[in-house]
Amino acid sequence: MTETTDQEHFEGMTLDELIQHCHRTAKDKGWWDDHAEGDERVFPEKAMLMVTEISEAVEHWRQKRMGGIQEIFIVEPDGGVTDVTHHPNPQINKNTKPDGALVELADVLIRILDLCGRFDMNLSKAVALKMRFNELRPFRHGGKRA
């Protein structure tokens, strides 16, 4: 059996498979145990957790912690930090933690995928529709600065 990297393992997954994987992992780790079916507070609570992950990514950038926005680091239990950005298969375990602005952006995506799995949302369709709509819009539409 050939060993695959984490990246290779997930690269072949469709968006829908990633949704199911992220949601199953979140459920298995107890992140949905406190949420009863039909609880209307779930969506805003989970959406705000996405905002906190974005804030953490911006803080990494703002404080120039651990390099730039493209780097990925592993934080060791003793506080040591290793840049694994260009490492083909960095080793992680329950005592090490991936960190950096890019890792926080990954957390945002994981939370989005998890939420879509919980509510059986068709994110693939929504992304395809929105991307097509954006292609049809005029250059810098709306007259906004950003």
N, C-alpha and C. Protein backbone atom coordinates (compact mmCIF):
# COMPACT_ATOMS: atom_id res chain seq x y z
N MET A 1 0.84 -1.19 0.00
CA MET A 1 0.00 0.00 0.00
C MET A 1 0.89 1.25 0.00
N THR A 2 0.60 2.16 -0.88
CA THR A 2 1.38 3.39 -1.00
C THR A 2 0.86 4.42 -0.01
N GLU A 3 1.79 5.03 0.72
CA GLU A 3 1.40 6.08 1.66
C GLU A 3 1.12 7.36 0.90
N THR A 4 0.01 8.01 1.21
CA THR A 4 -0.32 9.28 0.56
C THR A 4 -0.17 10.41 1.57
N THR A 5 0.09 11.59 1.05
CA THR A 5 0.17 12.75 1.92
C THR A 5 -1.24 13.20 2.28
N ASP A 6 -1.37 13.99 3.33
CA ASP A 6 -2.68 14.55 3.68
C ASP A 6 -3.25 15.32 2.51
N GLN A 7 -2.39 16.08 1.84
CA GLN A 7 -2.84 16.88 0.71
C GLN A 7 -3.38 15.99 -0.40
N GLU A 8 -2.67 14.92 -0.72
CA GLU A 8 -3.14 14.01 -1.77
C GLU A 8 -4.45 13.35 -1.38
N HIS A 9 -4.59 13.01 -0.10
CA HIS A 9 -5.81 12.36 0.37
C HIS A 9 -7.04 13.23 0.11
N PHE A 10 -6.92 14.51 0.37
CA PHE A 10 -8.07 15.41 0.23
C PHE A 10 -8.19 16.02 -1.16
N GLU A 11 -7.09 16.10 -1.92
CA GLU A 11 -7.13 16.72 -3.24
C GLU A 11 -8.12 16.05 -4.18
N GLY A 12 -8.28 14.76 -4.07
CA GLY A 12 -9.17 14.05 -4.97
C GLY A 12 -10.64 14.14 -4.61
N MET A 13 -10.95 14.75 -3.48
CA MET A 13 -12.34 14.83 -3.03
C MET A 13 -13.10 15.93 -3.75
N THR A 14 -14.35 15.66 -4.04
CA THR A 14 -15.23 16.70 -4.58
C THR A 14 -15.62 17.63 -3.42
N LEU A 15 -16.21 18.74 -3.77
CA LEU A 15 -16.68 19.67 -2.73
C LEU A 15 -17.70 18.98 -1.83
N ASP A 16 -18.59 18.21 -2.42
CA ASP A 16 -19.60 17.51 -1.62
C ASP A 16 -18.97 16.48 -0.69
N GLU A 17 -17.92 15.81 -1.14
CA GLU A 17 -17.21 14.85 -0.27
C GLU A 17 -16.50 15.57 0.87
N LEU A 18 -15.92 16.73 0.58
CA LEU A 18 -15.28 17.52 1.64
C LEU A 18 -16.32 17.97 2.67
N ILE A 19 -17.49 18.37 2.19
CA ILE A 19 -18.57 18.77 3.10
C ILE A 19 -18.90 17.63 4.05
N GLN A 20 -19.10 16.45 3.50
CA GLN A 20 -19.47 15.30 4.32
C GLN A 20 -18.35 14.94 5.29
N HIS A 21 -17.11 15.00 4.82
CA HIS A 21 -15.98 14.67 5.69
C HIS A 21 -15.85 15.67 6.84
N CYS A 22 -15.93 16.97 6.53
CA CYS A 22 -15.80 18.00 7.57
C CYS A 22 -16.93 17.88 8.59
N HIS A 23 -18.14 17.65 8.11
CA HIS A 23 -19.28 17.55 9.04
C HIS A 23 -19.17 16.29 9.90
N ARG A 24 -18.80 15.18 9.30
CA ARG A 24 -18.66 13.93 10.06
C ARG A 24 -17.58 14.09 11.14
N THR A 25 -16.47 14.71 10.80
CA THR A 25 -15.40 14.94 11.78
C THR A 25 -15.89 15.83 12.92
N ALA A 26 -16.59 16.92 12.58
CA ALA A 26 -17.11 17.82 13.62
C ALA A 26 -18.09 17.10 14.54
N LYS A 27 -18.95 16.30 13.95
CA LYS A 27 -19.91 15.52 14.77
C LYS A 27 -19.16 14.53 15.66
N ASP A 28 -18.20 13.81 15.08
CA ASP A 28 -17.44 12.81 15.83
C ASP A 28 -16.67 13.44 16.99
N LYS A 29 -16.27 14.69 16.84
CA LYS A 29 -15.51 15.39 17.89
C LYS A 29 -16.40 16.17 18.85
N GLY A 30 -17.73 16.03 18.71
CA GLY A 30 -18.68 16.60 19.66
C GLY A 30 -19.10 18.03 19.44
N TRP A 31 -18.75 18.61 18.28
CA TRP A 31 -19.06 20.03 18.06
C TRP A 31 -20.53 20.28 17.75
N TRP A 32 -21.32 19.22 17.61
CA TRP A 32 -22.75 19.41 17.38
C TRP A 32 -23.59 18.86 18.53
N ASP A 33 -22.95 18.36 19.57
CA ASP A 33 -23.68 17.74 20.69
C ASP A 33 -24.62 18.70 21.41
N ASP A 34 -24.27 19.97 21.47
CA ASP A 34 -25.07 20.95 22.22
C ASP A 34 -26.16 21.61 21.39
N HIS A 35 -26.36 21.16 20.17
CA HIS A 35 -27.30 21.82 19.27
C HIS A 35 -28.46 20.90 18.92
N ALA A 36 -29.61 21.21 19.46
CA ALA A 36 -30.81 20.41 19.19
C ALA A 36 -31.31 20.68 17.78
N GLU A 37 -31.95 19.70 17.19
CA GLU A 37 -32.56 19.85 15.87
C GLU A 37 -33.54 21.03 15.92
N GLY A 38 -33.46 21.92 14.94
CA GLY A 38 -34.38 23.05 14.87
C GLY A 38 -33.94 24.27 15.68
N ASP A 39 -32.80 24.19 16.37
CA ASP A 39 -32.31 25.33 17.15
C ASP A 39 -31.94 26.46 16.19
N GLU A 40 -32.67 27.56 16.24
CA GLU A 40 -32.47 28.67 15.31
C GLU A 40 -31.18 29.45 15.56
N ARG A 41 -30.57 29.25 16.72
CA ARG A 41 -29.34 29.98 17.04
C ARG A 41 -28.10 29.35 16.39
N VAL A 42 -28.25 28.17 15.84
CA VAL A 42 -27.10 27.46 15.29
C VAL A 42 -26.44 28.24 14.16
N PHE A 43 -27.22 28.70 13.19
CA PHE A 43 -26.61 29.38 12.05
C PHE A 43 -25.82 30.63 12.45
N PRO A 44 -26.41 31.57 13.19
CA PRO A 44 -25.60 32.76 13.54
C PRO A 44 -24.40 32.42 14.42
N GLU A 45 -24.56 31.46 15.30
CA GLU A 45 -23.43 31.08 16.16
C GLU A 45 -22.28 30.52 15.32
N LYS A 46 -22.59 29.61 14.43
CA LYS A 46 -21.55 29.01 13.59
C LYS A 46 -20.97 30.04 12.62
N ALA A 47 -21.80 30.94 12.10
CA ALA A 47 -21.31 31.98 11.20
C ALA A 47 -20.34 32.90 11.92
N MET A 48 -20.61 33.24 13.15
CA MET A 48 -19.71 34.10 13.91
C MET A 48 -18.39 33.40 14.23
N LEU A 49 -18.43 32.09 14.37
CA LEU A 49 -17.17 31.35 14.57
C LEU A 49 -16.31 31.44 13.31
N MET A 50 -16.94 31.53 12.15
CA MET A 50 -16.20 31.74 10.90
C MET A 50 -15.51 33.10 10.93
N VAL A 51 -16.24 34.09 11.44
CA VAL A 51 -15.67 35.44 11.55
C VAL A 51 -14.47 35.44 12.48
N THR A 52 -14.53 34.69 13.57
CA THR A 52 -13.39 34.64 14.49
C THR A 52 -12.17 34.03 13.82
N GLU A 53 -12.38 33.04 12.97
CA GLU A 53 -11.24 32.44 12.25
C GLU A 53 -10.63 33.46 11.29
N ILE A 54 -11.47 34.24 10.61
CA ILE A 54 -10.95 35.29 9.72
C ILE A 54 -10.17 36.31 10.54
N SER A 55 -10.69 36.67 11.71
CA SER A 55 -9.99 37.61 12.58
C SER A 55 -8.63 37.06 13.00
N GLU A 56 -8.56 35.78 13.29
CA GLU A 56 -7.29 35.17 13.67
C GLU A 56 -6.30 35.22 12.50
N ALA A 57 -6.77 35.00 11.28
CA ALA A 57 -5.90 35.09 10.11
C ALA A 57 -5.36 36.51 9.95
N VAL A 58 -6.23 37.49 10.12
CA VAL A 58 -5.81 38.89 10.00
C VAL A 58 -4.81 39.24 11.11
N GLU A 59 -5.03 38.74 12.30
CA GLU A 59 -4.09 39.00 13.40
C GLU A 59 -2.71 38.41 13.11
N HIS A 60 -2.67 37.24 12.52
CA HIS A 60 -1.37 36.66 12.13
C HIS A 60 -0.65 37.63 11.19
N TRP A 61 -1.38 38.14 10.21
CA TRP A 61 -0.79 39.07 9.26
C TRP A 61 -0.41 40.38 9.93
N ARG A 62 -1.33 40.93 10.72
CA ARG A 62 -1.12 42.24 11.36
C ARG A 62 0.08 42.24 12.30
N GLN A 63 0.23 41.19 13.06
CA GLN A 63 1.31 41.12 14.03
C GLN A 63 2.57 40.49 13.45
N LYS A 64 2.51 40.18 12.15
CA LYS A 64 3.65 39.56 11.46
C LYS A 64 4.10 38.30 12.18
N ARG A 65 3.13 37.60 12.77
CA ARG A 65 3.44 36.34 13.44
C ARG A 65 3.71 35.28 12.38
N MET A 66 4.77 34.58 12.57
CA MET A 66 5.06 33.40 11.75
C MET A 66 5.04 33.70 10.26
N GLY A 67 5.71 34.71 9.82
CA GLY A 67 5.85 34.94 8.39
C GLY A 67 4.65 35.59 7.74
N GLY A 68 4.52 35.34 6.45
CA GLY A 68 3.46 35.96 5.67
C GLY A 68 2.20 35.12 5.61
N ILE A 69 1.32 35.51 4.74
CA ILE A 69 0.01 34.85 4.67
C ILE A 69 0.07 33.51 3.96
N GLN A 70 1.17 33.19 3.29
CA GLN A 70 1.24 31.95 2.53
C GLN A 70 1.94 30.82 3.29
N GLU A 71 2.55 31.12 4.41
CA GLU A 71 3.32 30.12 5.13
C GLU A 71 2.44 29.26 6.05
N ILE A 72 2.88 28.03 6.21
CA ILE A 72 2.23 27.08 7.12
C ILE A 72 3.30 26.62 8.12
N PHE A 73 2.97 26.67 9.38
CA PHE A 73 3.90 26.31 10.44
C PHE A 73 3.32 25.19 11.30
N ILE A 74 4.20 24.44 11.92
CA ILE A 74 3.81 23.46 12.92
C ILE A 74 4.39 23.94 14.24
N VAL A 75 3.51 24.06 15.24
CA VAL A 75 3.95 24.47 16.58
C VAL A 75 4.08 23.21 17.41
N GLU A 76 5.28 23.02 17.97
CA GLU A 76 5.59 21.84 18.79
C GLU A 76 5.16 22.07 20.23
N PRO A 77 5.00 20.99 21.00
CA PRO A 77 4.59 21.13 22.41
C PRO A 77 5.54 22.01 23.23
N ASP A 78 6.83 22.03 22.87
CA ASP A 78 7.80 22.83 23.62
C ASP A 78 7.83 24.29 23.16
N GLY A 79 6.93 24.63 22.21
CA GLY A 79 6.87 26.01 21.71
C GLY A 79 7.68 26.23 20.45
N GLY A 80 8.44 25.23 20.05
CA GLY A 80 9.22 25.35 18.83
C GLY A 80 8.30 25.45 17.62
N VAL A 81 8.75 26.18 16.62
CA VAL A 81 7.96 26.41 15.42
C VAL A 81 8.78 25.99 14.19
N THR A 82 8.14 25.22 13.32
CA THR A 82 8.80 24.76 12.10
C THR A 82 7.98 25.19 10.90
N ASP A 83 8.65 25.82 9.93
CA ASP A 83 8.00 26.21 8.68
C ASP A 83 7.89 24.96 7.80
N VAL A 84 6.66 24.56 7.48
CA VAL A 84 6.44 23.37 6.65
C VAL A 84 5.78 23.73 5.31
N THR A 85 5.84 25.00 4.96
CA THR A 85 5.18 25.49 3.75
C THR A 85 5.56 24.66 2.53
N HIS A 86 6.83 24.35 2.39
CA HIS A 86 7.30 23.66 1.19
C HIS A 86 7.64 22.20 1.45
N HIS A 87 7.30 21.71 2.61
CA HIS A 87 7.54 20.31 2.95
C HIS A 87 6.45 19.46 2.29
N PRO A 88 6.81 18.40 1.58
CA PRO A 88 5.80 17.62 0.86
C PRO A 88 4.81 16.88 1.76
N ASN A 89 5.22 16.46 2.93
CA ASN A 89 4.31 15.72 3.82
C ASN A 89 4.67 15.96 5.28
N PRO A 90 4.36 17.16 5.79
CA PRO A 90 4.72 17.45 7.18
C PRO A 90 3.99 16.51 8.13
N GLN A 91 4.70 16.08 9.15
CA GLN A 91 4.13 15.15 10.12
C GLN A 91 3.46 15.94 11.24
N ILE A 92 2.20 15.60 11.52
CA ILE A 92 1.51 16.21 12.65
C ILE A 92 0.94 15.09 13.51
N ASN A 93 0.69 15.43 14.74
CA ASN A 93 0.06 14.48 15.66
C ASN A 93 -0.76 15.29 16.65
N LYS A 94 -1.34 14.62 17.64
CA LYS A 94 -2.22 15.33 18.57
C LYS A 94 -1.50 16.34 19.44
N ASN A 95 -0.17 16.30 19.46
CA ASN A 95 0.60 17.24 20.27
C ASN A 95 1.18 18.41 19.48
N THR A 96 1.02 18.38 18.17
CA THR A 96 1.51 19.48 17.34
C THR A 96 0.30 20.19 16.74
N LYS A 97 0.51 21.45 16.35
CA LYS A 97 -0.62 22.23 15.86
C LYS A 97 -0.20 23.01 14.62
N PRO A 98 -0.91 22.81 13.50
CA PRO A 98 -0.66 23.67 12.34
C PRO A 98 -1.08 25.10 12.68
N ASP A 99 -0.31 26.08 12.19
CA ASP A 99 -0.62 27.46 12.54
C ASP A 99 -0.20 28.39 11.40
N GLY A 100 -0.71 29.60 11.46
CA GLY A 100 -0.41 30.62 10.47
C GLY A 100 -1.70 31.17 9.87
N ALA A 101 -1.58 32.28 9.16
CA ALA A 101 -2.76 32.91 8.56
C ALA A 101 -3.47 31.96 7.60
N LEU A 102 -2.71 31.23 6.81
CA LEU A 102 -3.32 30.32 5.85
C LEU A 102 -4.08 29.19 6.54
N VAL A 103 -3.56 28.73 7.66
CA VAL A 103 -4.24 27.68 8.43
C VAL A 103 -5.55 28.22 9.00
N GLU A 104 -5.57 29.46 9.42
CA GLU A 104 -6.82 30.05 9.92
C GLU A 104 -7.84 30.17 8.80
N LEU A 105 -7.39 30.50 7.58
CA LEU A 105 -8.31 30.52 6.44
C LEU A 105 -8.83 29.12 6.14
N ALA A 106 -7.99 28.11 6.34
CA ALA A 106 -8.46 26.73 6.19
C ALA A 106 -9.56 26.44 7.21
N ASP A 107 -9.39 26.96 8.43
CA ASP A 107 -10.43 26.78 9.46
C ASP A 107 -11.76 27.40 9.02
N VAL A 108 -11.69 28.55 8.36
CA VAL A 108 -12.93 29.18 7.86
C VAL A 108 -13.62 28.23 6.88
N LEU A 109 -12.86 27.71 5.95
CA LEU A 109 -13.43 26.81 4.95
C LEU A 109 -14.00 25.55 5.61
N ILE A 110 -13.27 24.99 6.55
CA ILE A 110 -13.75 23.80 7.25
C ILE A 110 -15.06 24.08 7.97
N ARG A 111 -15.17 25.24 8.62
CA ARG A 111 -16.41 25.60 9.31
C ARG A 111 -17.57 25.79 8.32
N ILE A 112 -17.28 26.38 7.17
CA ILE A 112 -18.32 26.54 6.15
C ILE A 112 -18.79 25.18 5.65
N LEU A 113 -17.83 24.31 5.36
CA LEU A 113 -18.17 22.98 4.87
C LEU A 113 -18.97 22.20 5.91
N ASP A 114 -18.57 22.31 7.17
CA ASP A 114 -19.28 21.63 8.25
C ASP A 114 -20.73 22.11 8.33
N LEU A 115 -20.93 23.42 8.30
CA LEU A 115 -22.28 23.99 8.37
C LEU A 115 -23.13 23.51 7.18
N CYS A 116 -22.53 23.49 6.01
CA CYS A 116 -23.26 23.01 4.82
C CYS A 116 -23.66 21.55 4.99
N GLY A 117 -22.80 20.76 5.61
CA GLY A 117 -23.12 19.37 5.86
C GLY A 117 -24.25 19.22 6.86
N ARG A 118 -24.25 20.03 7.89
CA ARG A 118 -25.28 19.97 8.93
C ARG A 118 -26.66 20.27 8.37
N PHE A 119 -26.74 21.26 7.48
CA PHE A 119 -28.03 21.68 6.95
C PHE A 119 -28.28 21.18 5.52
N ASP A 120 -27.46 20.23 5.07
CA ASP A 120 -27.63 19.63 3.75
C ASP A 120 -27.74 20.71 2.67
N MET A 121 -26.83 21.68 2.73
CA MET A 121 -26.81 22.78 1.77
C MET A 121 -26.05 22.36 0.51
N ASN A 122 -26.55 22.75 -0.65
CA ASN A 122 -25.89 22.43 -1.92
C ASN A 122 -24.91 23.56 -2.25
N LEU A 123 -23.76 23.52 -1.59
CA LEU A 123 -22.75 24.56 -1.77
C LEU A 123 -22.19 24.54 -3.20
N SER A 124 -22.03 23.37 -3.78
CA SER A 124 -21.51 23.28 -5.15
C SER A 124 -22.37 24.10 -6.10
N LYS A 125 -23.67 23.96 -5.99
CA LYS A 125 -24.59 24.68 -6.86
C LYS A 125 -24.53 26.19 -6.59
N ALA A 126 -24.51 26.55 -5.31
CA ALA A 126 -24.46 27.97 -4.95
C ALA A 126 -23.18 28.62 -5.46
N VAL A 127 -22.04 27.93 -5.32
CA VAL A 127 -20.77 28.47 -5.80
C VAL A 127 -20.78 28.61 -7.32
N ALA A 128 -21.27 27.58 -8.00
CA ALA A 128 -21.32 27.64 -9.46
C ALA A 128 -22.19 28.80 -9.94
N LEU A 129 -23.37 28.96 -9.33
CA LEU A 129 -24.27 30.05 -9.72
C LEU A 129 -23.64 31.41 -9.45
N LYS A 130 -23.02 31.57 -8.28
CA LYS A 130 -22.43 32.86 -7.91
C LYS A 130 -21.22 33.18 -8.79
N MET A 131 -20.41 32.17 -9.10
CA MET A 131 -19.26 32.42 -9.97
C MET A 131 -19.72 32.84 -11.37
N ARG A 132 -20.74 32.18 -11.87
CA ARG A 132 -21.25 32.54 -13.19
C ARG A 132 -21.83 33.95 -13.17
N PHE A 133 -22.57 34.29 -12.13
CA PHE A 133 -23.13 35.63 -11.98
C PHE A 133 -22.01 36.68 -11.94
N ASN A 134 -20.95 36.39 -11.17
CA ASN A 134 -19.83 37.33 -11.08
C ASN A 134 -19.15 37.55 -12.42
N GLU A 135 -19.08 36.50 -13.24
CA GLU A 135 -18.50 36.63 -14.58
C GLU A 135 -19.33 37.56 -15.46
N LEU A 136 -20.63 37.64 -15.21
CA LEU A 136 -21.52 38.45 -16.02
C LEU A 136 -21.58 39.91 -15.58
N ARG A 137 -21.08 40.21 -14.40
CA ARG A 137 -21.17 41.56 -13.86
C ARG A 137 -20.16 42.48 -14.53
N PRO A 138 -20.47 43.78 -14.56
CA PRO A 138 -19.51 44.72 -15.16
C PRO A 138 -18.27 44.89 -14.29
N PHE A 139 -17.24 45.45 -14.88
CA PHE A 139 -15.98 45.71 -14.20
C PHE A 139 -16.22 46.59 -12.97
N ARG A 140 -15.74 46.17 -11.82
CA ARG A 140 -15.86 46.89 -10.55
C ARG A 140 -17.26 47.45 -10.35
N HIS A 141 -18.23 46.60 -10.52
CA HIS A 141 -19.65 46.96 -10.43
C HIS A 141 -20.00 47.61 -9.09
N GLY A 142 -20.98 48.44 -9.09
CA GLY A 142 -21.50 49.03 -7.87
C GLY A 142 -20.82 50.31 -7.43
N GLY A 143 -19.73 50.70 -8.08
CA GLY A 143 -19.05 51.94 -7.74
C GLY A 143 -18.42 51.96 -6.34
N LYS A 144 -18.14 50.79 -5.78
CA LYS A 144 -17.57 50.71 -4.43
C LYS A 144 -16.05 50.76 -4.49
N ARG A 145 -15.44 51.20 -3.38
CA ARG A 145 -13.98 51.28 -3.32
C ARG A 145 -13.33 49.91 -3.17
N ALA A 146 -14.02 49.01 -2.51
CA ALA A 146 -13.44 47.68 -2.28
C ALA A 146 -14.51 46.63 -2.40
